[in-house]
N, C-alpha and C. Protein backbone atom coordinates (compact mmCIF):
# COMPACT_ATOMS: atom_id res chain seq x y z
N MET A 1 40.65 10.56 42.21
CA MET A 1 41.42 10.09 43.31
C MET A 1 41.98 8.68 43.08
N ARG A 2 41.10 7.80 42.50
CA ARG A 2 41.51 6.48 42.21
C ARG A 2 42.67 6.35 41.29
N LYS A 3 42.68 7.25 40.26
CA LYS A 3 43.78 7.30 39.30
C LYS A 3 45.09 7.75 40.01
N ILE A 4 44.96 8.72 40.89
CA ILE A 4 46.17 9.16 41.69
C ILE A 4 46.65 8.04 42.48
N LEU A 5 45.76 7.22 43.18
CA LEU A 5 46.19 6.20 44.00
C LEU A 5 46.92 5.08 43.25
N PHE A 6 46.54 4.79 42.06
CA PHE A 6 47.13 3.65 41.31
C PHE A 6 48.30 4.00 40.47
N ILE A 7 48.56 5.29 40.25
CA ILE A 7 49.81 5.64 39.48
C ILE A 7 51.09 5.11 40.19
N PRO A 8 51.22 5.27 41.58
CA PRO A 8 52.42 4.77 42.18
C PRO A 8 52.48 3.21 42.10
N VAL A 9 51.28 2.52 42.07
CA VAL A 9 51.27 1.12 41.96
C VAL A 9 51.88 0.64 40.61
N LEU A 10 51.42 1.29 39.51
CA LEU A 10 52.01 1.02 38.24
C LEU A 10 53.49 1.25 38.15
N LEU A 11 53.97 2.31 38.80
CA LEU A 11 55.35 2.66 38.87
C LEU A 11 56.07 1.59 39.59
N LEU A 12 55.54 1.07 40.68
CA LEU A 12 56.21 0.02 41.46
C LEU A 12 56.42 -1.17 40.61
N PHE A 13 55.33 -1.63 39.95
CA PHE A 13 55.43 -2.89 39.19
C PHE A 13 56.36 -2.75 37.99
N THR A 14 56.35 -1.63 37.33
CA THR A 14 57.18 -1.26 36.21
C THR A 14 58.68 -1.32 36.65
N MET A 15 58.97 -0.69 37.81
CA MET A 15 60.31 -0.74 38.25
C MET A 15 60.79 -2.20 38.56
N VAL A 16 59.94 -3.01 39.21
CA VAL A 16 60.36 -4.35 39.56
C VAL A 16 60.47 -5.19 38.28
N ALA A 17 59.55 -5.08 37.29
CA ALA A 17 59.59 -5.90 36.13
C ALA A 17 60.78 -5.55 35.21
N ASN A 18 61.23 -4.31 35.29
CA ASN A 18 62.27 -3.88 34.37
C ASN A 18 63.54 -3.50 35.13
N ALA A 19 63.73 -4.10 36.31
CA ALA A 19 64.89 -3.74 37.15
C ALA A 19 66.20 -3.94 36.49
N GLN A 20 67.01 -2.91 36.40
CA GLN A 20 68.26 -3.11 35.75
C GLN A 20 69.22 -1.91 36.11
N ILE A 21 70.47 -2.20 36.16
CA ILE A 21 71.34 -1.08 36.45
C ILE A 21 71.62 -0.38 35.05
N PHE A 22 71.60 0.96 35.02
CA PHE A 22 71.83 1.68 33.92
C PHE A 22 73.29 2.12 33.86
N THR A 23 73.73 2.55 32.68
CA THR A 23 75.15 2.88 32.47
C THR A 23 75.31 4.32 32.08
N ILE A 24 76.31 5.02 32.68
CA ILE A 24 76.63 6.39 32.27
C ILE A 24 78.14 6.34 32.14
N PHE A 25 78.61 6.75 30.87
CA PHE A 25 80.08 6.84 30.61
C PHE A 25 80.70 5.55 30.91
N GLY A 26 80.05 4.48 30.62
CA GLY A 26 80.64 3.16 30.83
C GLY A 26 80.62 2.64 32.19
N GLN A 27 80.03 3.37 33.12
CA GLN A 27 79.97 3.02 34.53
C GLN A 27 78.57 2.61 34.92
N ASP A 28 78.34 1.51 35.63
CA ASP A 28 77.11 1.08 36.16
C ASP A 28 76.63 2.02 37.25
N CYS A 29 75.40 2.48 37.14
CA CYS A 29 74.84 3.36 38.16
C CYS A 29 73.47 2.88 38.53
N GLY A 30 73.05 3.37 39.65
CA GLY A 30 71.67 3.10 40.16
C GLY A 30 71.57 1.73 40.94
N PHE A 31 70.36 1.57 41.59
CA PHE A 31 70.14 0.38 42.31
C PHE A 31 68.58 0.30 42.53
N ILE A 32 68.13 -0.86 42.81
CA ILE A 32 66.81 -1.07 43.21
C ILE A 32 66.67 -2.02 44.38
N TYR A 33 66.13 -1.54 45.54
CA TYR A 33 65.95 -2.30 46.67
C TYR A 33 64.53 -2.61 46.92
N VAL A 34 64.20 -3.80 47.33
CA VAL A 34 62.81 -4.15 47.63
C VAL A 34 62.82 -4.97 48.97
N GLY A 35 61.73 -4.87 49.69
CA GLY A 35 61.68 -5.63 50.93
C GLY A 35 60.32 -5.32 51.75
N PRO A 36 60.25 -6.04 52.91
CA PRO A 36 59.04 -5.78 53.71
C PRO A 36 59.30 -4.63 54.71
N LYS A 37 58.09 -4.14 55.23
CA LYS A 37 58.10 -3.05 56.24
C LYS A 37 57.02 -3.41 57.30
N LEU A 38 57.36 -3.25 58.56
CA LEU A 38 56.45 -3.53 59.64
C LEU A 38 56.62 -2.47 60.76
N GLY A 39 55.50 -1.95 61.29
CA GLY A 39 55.60 -1.01 62.39
C GLY A 39 54.26 -0.62 62.90
N GLY A 40 54.26 0.67 63.43
CA GLY A 40 53.02 1.16 64.11
C GLY A 40 52.66 2.52 63.68
N THR A 41 51.49 2.97 64.00
CA THR A 41 51.01 4.34 63.68
C THR A 41 50.40 4.95 64.90
N TYR A 42 50.42 6.33 65.01
CA TYR A 42 49.87 7.05 66.05
C TYR A 42 49.11 8.23 65.39
N SER A 43 47.81 8.10 65.40
CA SER A 43 47.01 8.95 64.56
C SER A 43 45.81 9.64 65.21
N THR A 44 45.21 10.62 64.54
CA THR A 44 44.10 11.37 65.11
C THR A 44 43.43 12.07 63.96
N ILE A 45 42.32 12.72 64.16
CA ILE A 45 41.64 13.52 63.16
C ILE A 45 41.55 14.97 63.68
N SER A 46 42.13 15.86 62.93
CA SER A 46 42.20 17.26 63.36
C SER A 46 40.77 17.90 63.43
N ASN A 47 40.62 18.78 64.43
CA ASN A 47 39.37 19.49 64.60
C ASN A 47 38.11 18.67 64.90
N TYR A 48 38.35 17.35 65.10
CA TYR A 48 37.17 16.55 65.38
C TYR A 48 36.54 16.91 66.74
N SER A 49 37.39 17.34 67.66
CA SER A 49 36.82 17.65 68.95
C SER A 49 35.89 18.94 68.86
N GLU A 50 36.29 19.90 68.01
CA GLU A 50 35.43 21.11 67.91
C GLU A 50 34.14 20.84 67.27
N TRP A 51 34.13 19.85 66.29
CA TRP A 51 32.92 19.61 65.56
C TRP A 51 31.95 18.65 66.42
N SER A 52 32.51 17.56 67.02
CA SER A 52 31.72 16.61 67.67
C SER A 52 31.33 16.93 69.07
N GLY A 53 32.12 17.85 69.74
CA GLY A 53 31.84 18.15 71.14
C GLY A 53 32.51 17.14 72.09
N THR A 54 33.17 16.15 71.58
CA THR A 54 33.85 15.19 72.43
C THR A 54 35.33 15.39 72.30
N GLU A 55 36.15 15.04 73.37
CA GLU A 55 37.55 15.29 73.41
C GLU A 55 38.26 14.09 72.68
N ALA A 56 38.84 14.47 71.46
CA ALA A 56 39.52 13.46 70.66
C ALA A 56 40.98 13.43 71.05
N LYS A 57 41.58 12.19 70.93
CA LYS A 57 43.02 12.09 71.20
C LYS A 57 43.54 11.02 70.23
N SER A 58 44.92 10.92 70.23
CA SER A 58 45.53 10.01 69.19
C SER A 58 45.34 8.55 69.61
N LYS A 59 45.36 7.73 68.57
CA LYS A 59 45.05 6.28 68.67
C LYS A 59 46.23 5.51 68.11
N LEU A 60 46.66 4.51 68.79
CA LEU A 60 47.81 3.60 68.30
C LEU A 60 47.25 2.56 67.35
N GLY A 61 47.93 2.32 66.24
CA GLY A 61 47.57 1.37 65.31
C GLY A 61 48.76 0.61 64.76
N TYR A 62 48.63 -0.01 63.60
CA TYR A 62 49.64 -0.80 62.99
C TYR A 62 49.89 -0.42 61.52
N GLN A 63 51.02 -0.88 60.96
CA GLN A 63 51.28 -0.76 59.52
C GLN A 63 52.20 -1.91 59.07
N PHE A 64 51.93 -2.34 57.85
CA PHE A 64 52.78 -3.43 57.21
C PHE A 64 52.61 -3.30 55.72
N GLY A 65 53.64 -3.83 55.05
CA GLY A 65 53.58 -3.79 53.54
C GLY A 65 54.89 -4.03 52.94
N GLY A 66 55.11 -3.47 51.78
CA GLY A 66 56.33 -3.66 50.97
C GLY A 66 56.90 -2.28 50.52
N VAL A 67 58.25 -2.26 50.31
CA VAL A 67 58.96 -1.04 50.00
C VAL A 67 59.75 -1.37 48.63
N ALA A 68 59.76 -0.39 47.76
CA ALA A 68 60.60 -0.49 46.53
C ALA A 68 61.33 0.89 46.45
N GLU A 69 62.71 0.89 46.40
CA GLU A 69 63.42 2.06 46.28
C GLU A 69 64.29 2.02 45.00
N PHE A 70 64.16 3.02 44.21
CA PHE A 70 64.94 3.13 42.97
C PHE A 70 65.97 4.27 43.14
N GLY A 71 67.27 3.99 43.12
CA GLY A 71 68.31 4.96 43.36
C GLY A 71 69.03 5.44 42.15
N PHE A 72 69.25 6.70 42.02
CA PHE A 72 70.07 7.23 40.98
C PHE A 72 71.53 7.39 41.28
N THR A 73 71.81 7.70 42.53
CA THR A 73 73.13 7.74 43.11
C THR A 73 73.06 7.21 44.48
N GLU A 74 74.24 7.17 45.18
CA GLU A 74 74.23 6.69 46.58
C GLU A 74 73.42 7.57 47.49
N LYS A 75 73.34 8.92 47.05
CA LYS A 75 72.60 9.84 47.92
C LYS A 75 71.13 10.12 47.59
N PHE A 76 70.89 10.04 46.28
CA PHE A 76 69.48 10.43 45.91
C PHE A 76 68.69 9.17 45.32
N SER A 77 67.45 9.00 45.79
CA SER A 77 66.62 7.95 45.34
C SER A 77 65.15 8.33 45.46
N ILE A 78 64.36 7.50 44.80
CA ILE A 78 62.87 7.60 44.90
C ILE A 78 62.29 6.31 45.47
N GLN A 79 61.44 6.49 46.43
CA GLN A 79 60.91 5.32 47.15
C GLN A 79 59.36 5.37 47.14
N THR A 80 58.81 4.18 46.81
CA THR A 80 57.40 3.97 46.85
C THR A 80 57.00 2.79 47.66
N GLU A 81 55.85 2.70 48.22
CA GLU A 81 55.42 1.57 49.07
C GLU A 81 54.02 1.16 48.81
N MET A 82 53.64 -0.01 49.21
CA MET A 82 52.22 -0.40 49.36
C MET A 82 52.03 -0.82 50.79
N LEU A 83 51.25 -0.07 51.52
CA LEU A 83 51.02 -0.27 52.92
C LEU A 83 49.66 -0.58 53.37
N PHE A 84 49.43 -1.36 54.31
CA PHE A 84 48.19 -1.61 54.95
C PHE A 84 48.33 -1.14 56.35
N TYR A 85 47.36 -0.22 56.71
CA TYR A 85 47.62 0.26 58.16
C TYR A 85 46.24 0.73 58.78
N ALA A 86 46.26 0.82 60.06
CA ALA A 86 45.11 1.16 60.89
C ALA A 86 45.34 2.61 61.40
N LYS A 87 44.29 3.42 61.31
CA LYS A 87 44.35 4.78 61.86
C LYS A 87 43.02 5.07 62.49
N GLY A 88 42.84 6.33 62.99
CA GLY A 88 41.60 6.72 63.60
C GLY A 88 41.80 7.72 64.75
N THR A 89 40.85 7.70 65.72
CA THR A 89 40.97 8.58 66.83
C THR A 89 40.20 8.00 68.06
N LYS A 90 40.61 8.36 69.18
CA LYS A 90 39.81 7.90 70.47
C LYS A 90 39.18 9.09 71.08
N PHE A 91 38.18 8.87 71.88
CA PHE A 91 37.41 9.88 72.58
C PHE A 91 37.69 9.73 74.14
N ASP A 92 38.29 10.75 74.64
CA ASP A 92 38.71 10.71 76.03
C ASP A 92 37.61 10.83 77.06
N ASP A 93 36.52 11.50 76.73
CA ASP A 93 35.39 11.67 77.66
C ASP A 93 34.31 10.68 77.57
N MET A 94 34.32 9.84 76.58
CA MET A 94 33.25 8.88 76.40
C MET A 94 33.73 7.40 76.15
N ASP A 95 35.07 7.23 76.18
CA ASP A 95 35.71 5.90 76.06
C ASP A 95 35.31 5.18 74.82
N GLY A 96 35.09 5.92 73.67
CA GLY A 96 34.78 5.29 72.40
C GLY A 96 35.94 5.64 71.45
N GLN A 97 35.82 5.15 70.14
CA GLN A 97 36.80 5.41 69.21
C GLN A 97 36.28 5.18 67.76
N ILE A 98 36.99 5.75 66.85
CA ILE A 98 36.84 5.53 65.40
C ILE A 98 38.01 4.72 64.87
N LYS A 99 37.68 3.53 64.26
CA LYS A 99 38.74 2.74 63.66
C LYS A 99 38.57 2.75 62.09
N MET A 100 39.77 3.00 61.51
CA MET A 100 39.78 2.99 60.02
C MET A 100 40.99 2.19 59.47
N ASN A 101 40.70 1.33 58.56
CA ASN A 101 41.80 0.60 57.96
C ASN A 101 42.01 1.17 56.44
N TYR A 102 43.29 1.28 56.05
CA TYR A 102 43.54 1.88 54.81
C TYR A 102 44.57 1.02 54.03
N ILE A 103 44.50 1.16 52.66
CA ILE A 103 45.61 0.78 51.84
C ILE A 103 46.23 2.14 51.34
N GLY A 104 47.52 2.29 51.59
CA GLY A 104 48.16 3.58 51.26
C GLY A 104 49.37 3.37 50.36
N ILE A 105 49.61 4.32 49.46
CA ILE A 105 50.80 4.33 48.59
C ILE A 105 51.45 5.62 48.56
N PRO A 106 52.59 5.79 49.29
CA PRO A 106 53.41 7.01 49.25
C PRO A 106 54.39 7.01 48.05
N LEU A 107 54.72 8.20 47.65
CA LEU A 107 55.74 8.40 46.52
C LEU A 107 56.70 9.47 47.08
N LEU A 108 57.97 9.14 47.42
CA LEU A 108 58.84 9.99 48.14
C LEU A 108 60.24 10.20 47.50
N ALA A 109 60.71 11.30 47.61
CA ALA A 109 62.09 11.62 47.20
C ALA A 109 63.03 11.45 48.45
N LYS A 110 64.14 10.81 48.35
CA LYS A 110 64.91 10.46 49.45
C LYS A 110 66.35 10.88 49.28
N TYR A 111 66.90 11.48 50.32
CA TYR A 111 68.31 12.01 50.29
C TYR A 111 69.10 11.42 51.48
N ALA A 112 70.14 10.65 51.12
CA ALA A 112 70.99 9.99 52.19
C ALA A 112 72.28 10.80 52.39
N PHE A 113 72.76 10.65 53.71
CA PHE A 113 74.03 11.31 54.10
C PHE A 113 74.63 10.57 55.31
N LYS A 114 75.80 10.98 55.56
CA LYS A 114 76.54 10.39 56.77
C LYS A 114 76.60 11.44 57.75
N ALA A 115 76.37 11.06 59.13
CA ALA A 115 76.44 11.99 60.19
C ALA A 115 76.47 11.20 61.51
N PHE A 116 76.96 11.80 62.53
CA PHE A 116 77.00 11.20 63.95
C PHE A 116 77.64 9.88 63.97
N GLY A 117 78.58 9.62 63.05
CA GLY A 117 79.27 8.36 62.99
C GLY A 117 78.44 7.21 62.36
N LEU A 118 77.28 7.46 61.86
CA LEU A 118 76.45 6.46 61.27
C LEU A 118 76.72 6.43 59.73
N THR A 119 76.68 5.26 59.15
CA THR A 119 76.91 5.00 57.78
C THR A 119 75.91 5.71 56.86
N LYS A 120 74.60 5.54 57.23
CA LYS A 120 73.64 6.15 56.30
C LYS A 120 72.43 6.62 57.02
N LEU A 121 72.22 7.95 57.03
CA LEU A 121 71.03 8.55 57.49
C LEU A 121 70.30 9.12 56.33
N TYR A 122 68.98 9.38 56.43
CA TYR A 122 68.29 10.00 55.28
C TYR A 122 67.07 10.83 55.68
N ALA A 123 66.78 11.71 54.85
CA ALA A 123 65.60 12.57 54.98
C ALA A 123 64.69 12.32 53.69
N MET A 124 63.41 12.38 53.85
CA MET A 124 62.59 12.14 52.72
C MET A 124 61.34 13.05 52.73
N GLY A 125 60.70 13.23 51.65
CA GLY A 125 59.50 13.97 51.54
C GLY A 125 58.73 13.68 50.22
N GLY A 126 57.37 13.87 50.30
CA GLY A 126 56.70 13.62 49.12
C GLY A 126 55.14 13.58 49.41
N THR A 127 54.42 12.74 48.69
CA THR A 127 53.01 12.68 48.84
C THR A 127 52.56 11.27 49.08
N PHE A 128 51.28 11.17 49.52
CA PHE A 128 50.72 9.81 49.61
C PHE A 128 49.25 9.81 49.22
N SER A 129 48.70 8.71 48.77
CA SER A 129 47.34 8.44 48.45
C SER A 129 46.89 7.22 49.15
N GLU A 130 45.62 7.25 49.62
CA GLU A 130 45.11 6.05 50.30
C GLU A 130 43.61 5.90 50.15
N VAL A 131 43.11 4.65 50.23
CA VAL A 131 41.78 4.33 50.17
C VAL A 131 41.35 3.56 51.41
N ARG A 132 40.22 3.91 51.99
CA ARG A 132 39.79 3.26 53.25
C ARG A 132 39.07 1.91 52.84
N THR A 133 39.47 0.85 53.46
CA THR A 133 38.89 -0.50 53.27
C THR A 133 37.82 -0.82 54.29
N LYS A 134 37.91 -0.11 55.48
CA LYS A 134 37.02 -0.40 56.58
C LYS A 134 36.94 0.77 57.53
N GLY A 135 35.78 1.12 58.00
CA GLY A 135 35.65 2.20 59.02
C GLY A 135 34.49 2.00 59.97
N VAL A 136 34.71 1.97 61.27
CA VAL A 136 33.66 1.73 62.21
C VAL A 136 33.66 2.67 63.46
N TRP A 137 32.54 2.98 63.94
CA TRP A 137 32.45 3.54 65.28
C TRP A 137 32.43 2.46 66.37
N VAL A 138 33.15 2.67 67.43
CA VAL A 138 33.16 1.76 68.53
C VAL A 138 32.67 2.48 69.79
N ASP A 139 31.50 2.15 70.33
CA ASP A 139 30.98 2.87 71.50
C ASP A 139 31.58 2.36 72.75
N PRO A 140 31.27 2.98 73.89
CA PRO A 140 31.92 2.59 75.17
C PRO A 140 31.69 1.10 75.55
N GLY A 141 30.45 0.55 75.09
CA GLY A 141 30.18 -0.78 75.38
C GLY A 141 30.84 -1.83 74.47
N GLY A 142 31.59 -1.31 73.42
CA GLY A 142 32.36 -2.19 72.49
C GLY A 142 31.51 -2.56 71.31
N THR A 143 30.27 -2.01 71.13
CA THR A 143 29.41 -2.20 69.95
C THR A 143 29.95 -1.38 68.76
N THR A 144 30.02 -2.01 67.61
CA THR A 144 30.51 -1.36 66.45
C THR A 144 29.52 -1.07 65.41
N SER A 145 29.60 0.02 64.68
CA SER A 145 28.67 0.34 63.54
C SER A 145 29.48 1.15 62.54
N ASP A 146 28.97 0.95 61.18
CA ASP A 146 29.69 1.61 60.13
C ASP A 146 29.73 3.09 60.21
N LEU A 147 30.82 3.70 59.70
CA LEU A 147 30.92 5.13 59.65
C LEU A 147 29.92 5.80 58.82
N GLY A 148 29.49 5.11 57.74
CA GLY A 148 28.42 5.71 56.94
C GLY A 148 29.09 6.63 55.78
N SER A 149 28.17 7.13 55.00
CA SER A 149 28.57 7.88 53.83
C SER A 149 29.17 9.29 54.15
N GLY A 150 29.01 9.75 55.33
CA GLY A 150 29.51 11.06 55.78
C GLY A 150 31.10 11.16 55.75
N PHE A 151 31.66 10.03 56.00
CA PHE A 151 33.19 9.96 55.89
C PHE A 151 33.63 9.54 54.54
N LYS A 152 34.61 10.35 54.04
CA LYS A 152 35.16 10.03 52.70
C LYS A 152 36.06 8.78 52.71
N LYS A 153 36.04 8.03 51.67
CA LYS A 153 36.81 6.82 51.63
C LYS A 153 38.21 7.04 51.09
N TYR A 154 38.49 8.19 50.46
CA TYR A 154 39.71 8.47 49.85
C TYR A 154 40.44 9.66 50.57
N ASP A 155 41.75 9.59 50.58
CA ASP A 155 42.56 10.62 51.25
C ASP A 155 43.85 10.76 50.52
N TRP A 156 44.43 11.95 50.55
CA TRP A 156 45.79 12.15 50.02
C TRP A 156 46.33 13.28 50.90
N GLY A 157 47.73 13.35 50.83
CA GLY A 157 48.37 14.40 51.65
C GLY A 157 49.90 14.45 51.37
N LEU A 158 50.57 15.06 52.35
CA LEU A 158 52.00 15.17 52.31
C LEU A 158 52.70 14.43 53.41
N SER A 159 53.89 13.89 53.00
CA SER A 159 54.61 13.06 53.94
C SER A 159 56.05 13.66 54.07
N ILE A 160 56.54 13.70 55.27
CA ILE A 160 57.97 14.05 55.61
C ILE A 160 58.50 12.96 56.53
N GLY A 161 59.81 12.69 56.37
CA GLY A 161 60.32 11.69 57.35
C GLY A 161 61.83 11.65 57.38
N CYS A 162 62.42 10.73 58.18
CA CYS A 162 63.78 10.54 58.30
C CYS A 162 64.00 9.16 58.81
N GLY A 163 65.23 8.71 58.77
CA GLY A 163 65.58 7.35 59.27
C GLY A 163 67.06 7.05 59.21
N ALA A 164 67.36 5.85 59.46
CA ALA A 164 68.79 5.28 59.41
C ALA A 164 68.76 3.95 58.86
N GLU A 165 69.77 3.57 58.16
CA GLU A 165 69.86 2.24 57.51
C GLU A 165 71.29 1.66 57.85
N TYR A 166 71.29 0.29 58.02
CA TYR A 166 72.54 -0.40 58.34
C TYR A 166 72.71 -1.56 57.28
N PRO A 167 73.61 -1.42 56.39
CA PRO A 167 73.78 -2.38 55.31
C PRO A 167 74.52 -3.65 55.96
N THR A 168 74.10 -4.84 55.43
CA THR A 168 74.81 -6.08 55.73
C THR A 168 75.08 -6.79 54.43
N ASP A 169 75.73 -8.06 54.46
CA ASP A 169 76.07 -8.70 53.25
C ASP A 169 74.73 -9.26 52.58
N LYS A 170 73.75 -9.56 53.29
CA LYS A 170 72.48 -10.08 52.78
C LYS A 170 71.43 -9.04 52.44
N GLY A 171 71.48 -7.94 53.12
CA GLY A 171 70.43 -6.88 52.94
C GLY A 171 70.65 -5.75 53.76
N ILE A 172 69.60 -4.82 53.79
CA ILE A 172 69.74 -3.54 54.56
C ILE A 172 68.66 -3.42 55.59
N TRP A 173 69.11 -3.23 56.78
CA TRP A 173 68.05 -3.03 57.91
C TRP A 173 67.85 -1.51 57.96
N GLY A 174 66.61 -1.18 58.28
CA GLY A 174 66.35 0.33 58.39
C GLY A 174 65.29 0.68 59.44
N ILE A 175 65.47 1.83 60.06
CA ILE A 175 64.44 2.32 60.90
C ILE A 175 63.79 3.62 60.32
N ASP A 176 62.46 3.66 60.12
CA ASP A 176 61.83 4.70 59.34
C ASP A 176 60.87 5.41 60.28
N LEU A 177 60.98 6.76 60.33
CA LEU A 177 60.10 7.62 61.09
C LEU A 177 59.39 8.60 60.11
N ARG A 178 58.06 8.80 60.16
CA ARG A 178 57.42 9.56 59.27
C ARG A 178 56.13 10.26 59.70
N TYR A 179 55.85 11.45 59.22
CA TYR A 179 54.66 12.23 59.60
C TYR A 179 53.81 12.40 58.32
N ASN A 180 52.50 12.06 58.43
CA ASN A 180 51.64 12.19 57.29
C ASN A 180 50.61 13.27 57.60
N LEU A 181 50.53 14.22 56.70
CA LEU A 181 49.60 15.35 56.91
C LEU A 181 48.52 15.28 55.80
N GLY A 182 47.30 14.79 56.19
CA GLY A 182 46.21 14.65 55.20
C GLY A 182 45.67 15.98 54.79
N MET A 183 45.29 16.00 53.52
CA MET A 183 44.69 17.31 53.00
C MET A 183 43.31 17.19 52.65
N THR A 184 42.70 16.02 52.74
CA THR A 184 41.25 15.82 52.42
C THR A 184 40.44 16.13 53.67
N ASP A 185 39.27 16.89 53.54
CA ASP A 185 38.36 17.01 54.58
C ASP A 185 37.56 15.75 54.66
N LEU A 186 37.78 14.99 55.75
CA LEU A 186 37.30 13.62 55.85
C LEU A 186 35.77 13.57 56.07
N HIS A 187 35.19 14.55 56.63
CA HIS A 187 33.79 14.48 57.05
C HIS A 187 32.93 15.59 56.40
N ASP A 188 31.98 15.32 55.51
CA ASP A 188 31.20 16.29 54.88
C ASP A 188 30.36 17.13 55.85
N ASP A 189 29.87 16.43 56.90
CA ASP A 189 28.93 17.14 57.82
C ASP A 189 29.58 18.05 58.78
N ALA A 190 30.88 18.16 58.79
CA ALA A 190 31.52 19.10 59.70
C ALA A 190 31.28 20.59 59.37
N GLY A 191 31.00 20.87 58.09
CA GLY A 191 30.74 22.22 57.69
C GLY A 191 31.94 22.83 57.02
N ASP A 192 31.79 23.95 56.33
CA ASP A 192 32.79 24.60 55.57
C ASP A 192 33.92 25.12 56.44
N ASN A 193 33.55 25.64 57.57
CA ASN A 193 34.56 26.25 58.50
C ASN A 193 35.34 25.33 59.39
N THR A 194 34.99 23.97 59.38
CA THR A 194 35.77 23.05 60.15
C THR A 194 36.32 21.94 59.26
N LYS A 195 37.57 21.82 59.15
CA LYS A 195 38.23 20.90 58.33
C LYS A 195 38.71 19.69 59.14
N THR A 196 38.18 18.52 58.95
CA THR A 196 38.53 17.30 59.65
C THR A 196 39.56 16.55 58.80
N ARG A 197 40.85 16.58 59.17
CA ARG A 197 41.90 16.01 58.31
C ARG A 197 42.70 15.01 59.13
N SER A 198 43.17 13.97 58.46
CA SER A 198 43.96 12.96 59.10
C SER A 198 45.40 13.45 59.46
N ARG A 199 45.84 13.16 60.64
CA ARG A 199 47.18 13.43 61.10
C ARG A 199 47.80 12.10 61.64
N SER A 200 48.95 11.78 61.25
CA SER A 200 49.44 10.47 61.78
C SER A 200 51.00 10.53 61.80
N PHE A 201 51.56 9.86 62.79
CA PHE A 201 53.00 9.55 62.96
C PHE A 201 53.25 8.10 62.77
N GLY A 202 54.19 7.69 61.91
CA GLY A 202 54.50 6.28 61.77
C GLY A 202 55.92 5.98 62.10
N PHE A 203 56.07 4.79 62.65
CA PHE A 203 57.43 4.27 62.96
C PHE A 203 57.54 2.79 62.46
N ALA A 204 58.59 2.38 61.76
CA ALA A 204 58.63 1.10 61.24
C ALA A 204 60.08 0.60 61.07
N LEU A 205 60.12 -0.79 60.93
CA LEU A 205 61.41 -1.41 60.72
C LEU A 205 61.32 -1.98 59.27
N THR A 206 62.40 -1.81 58.46
CA THR A 206 62.41 -2.30 57.16
C THR A 206 63.55 -3.21 56.88
N TYR A 207 63.46 -4.10 55.91
CA TYR A 207 64.57 -4.94 55.51
C TYR A 207 64.55 -5.00 53.95
N LYS A 208 65.60 -4.56 53.30
CA LYS A 208 65.57 -4.54 51.87
C LYS A 208 66.66 -5.30 51.22
N TYR A 209 66.33 -5.90 50.06
CA TYR A 209 67.25 -6.67 49.26
C TYR A 209 67.65 -5.88 47.97
N ASP A 210 68.84 -6.07 47.54
CA ASP A 210 69.30 -5.53 46.28
C ASP A 210 68.78 -6.31 45.08
N LEU A 211 67.74 -5.86 44.47
CA LEU A 211 67.03 -6.54 43.37
C LEU A 211 67.94 -6.73 42.12
N THR A 212 68.81 -5.84 41.86
CA THR A 212 69.66 -5.87 40.69
C THR A 212 70.62 -7.09 40.71
N LYS A 213 70.93 -7.55 41.90
CA LYS A 213 71.87 -8.68 42.03
C LYS A 213 71.17 -10.00 41.63
N LEU A 214 69.92 -9.97 41.52
CA LEU A 214 69.07 -11.16 41.10
C LEU A 214 68.96 -11.29 39.57
N LEU A 215 69.36 -10.25 38.92
CA LEU A 215 69.19 -10.24 37.41
C LEU A 215 70.24 -11.16 36.84
N PRO A 216 69.90 -11.88 35.72
CA PRO A 216 70.85 -12.83 35.12
C PRO A 216 72.15 -12.20 34.73
N LYS A 217 72.16 -10.97 34.14
CA LYS A 217 73.42 -10.38 33.74
C LYS A 217 74.39 -10.03 34.90
N ASN A 218 73.78 -9.67 36.07
CA ASN A 218 74.50 -9.24 37.25
C ASN A 218 75.01 -10.56 38.03
N ARG A 219 74.16 -11.66 37.93
CA ARG A 219 74.60 -12.90 38.60
C ARG A 219 75.76 -13.45 37.85
N LYS A 220 75.71 -13.24 36.52
CA LYS A 220 76.79 -13.78 35.63
C LYS A 220 78.08 -13.03 36.03
N LYS A 221 78.01 -11.74 36.20
CA LYS A 221 79.22 -10.89 36.53
C LYS A 221 79.78 -11.42 37.85
N GLU A 222 78.96 -11.73 38.88
CA GLU A 222 79.46 -12.19 40.13
C GLU A 222 80.11 -13.47 40.05
N THR A 223 79.54 -14.43 39.29
CA THR A 223 80.13 -15.65 39.06
C THR A 223 81.53 -15.64 38.37
N THR A 224 81.56 -14.74 37.37
CA THR A 224 82.89 -14.47 36.72
C THR A 224 83.91 -13.94 37.61
N THR A 225 83.54 -13.05 38.52
CA THR A 225 84.39 -12.37 39.35
C THR A 225 84.94 -13.40 40.38
N ASP A 226 84.04 -14.30 40.91
CA ASP A 226 84.44 -15.26 41.90
C ASP A 226 85.40 -16.22 41.31
N LYS A 227 85.31 -16.54 40.07
CA LYS A 227 86.33 -17.40 39.41
C LYS A 227 87.72 -16.80 39.28
């Protein structure tokens, strides 16, 4: 699982370190956008109510991090991110909750199109890997205790999403909506017949810069064009 988690990280740094527009039939193609991402999450743990006997419901959390998008054409691109976010679940009948903080790295294929009079809408899908950095129980009195070894620290799953982007002279503003479907059984003690898996919906604001414009060869082109 650790190797799966760090593969997108290596891809991210390789893309940034070697950012360049490639050429096909004498024409420059491709782009690399990078920038920050900030938003919230709405998460729960599936089947937790059946196993624990307490009524579980969704919990509001946060997410922030960085985005790197490598485009092959105006319509098709690959996007990866490094995110820090809070997930978990709340208990309706006992006023307690589970809090979990994660570092997550999605790897997504992205398809952009025009519709409804908007310049750029997109749909995306792919996978994510994540590692838990902190996990606690919070009882009705506010006392916290560690989750313990019963909860797994690593998770992976599938992501689908959509959004809209608005280009400006300085960068690109975007609104991102995403659903993450965890595939790991998070709690070993739940038994073979009960699968406790993460479920989360994320919403975020992004702002991305065109990294290729910062390269020496492209800055030289712009200077020549201005003259």
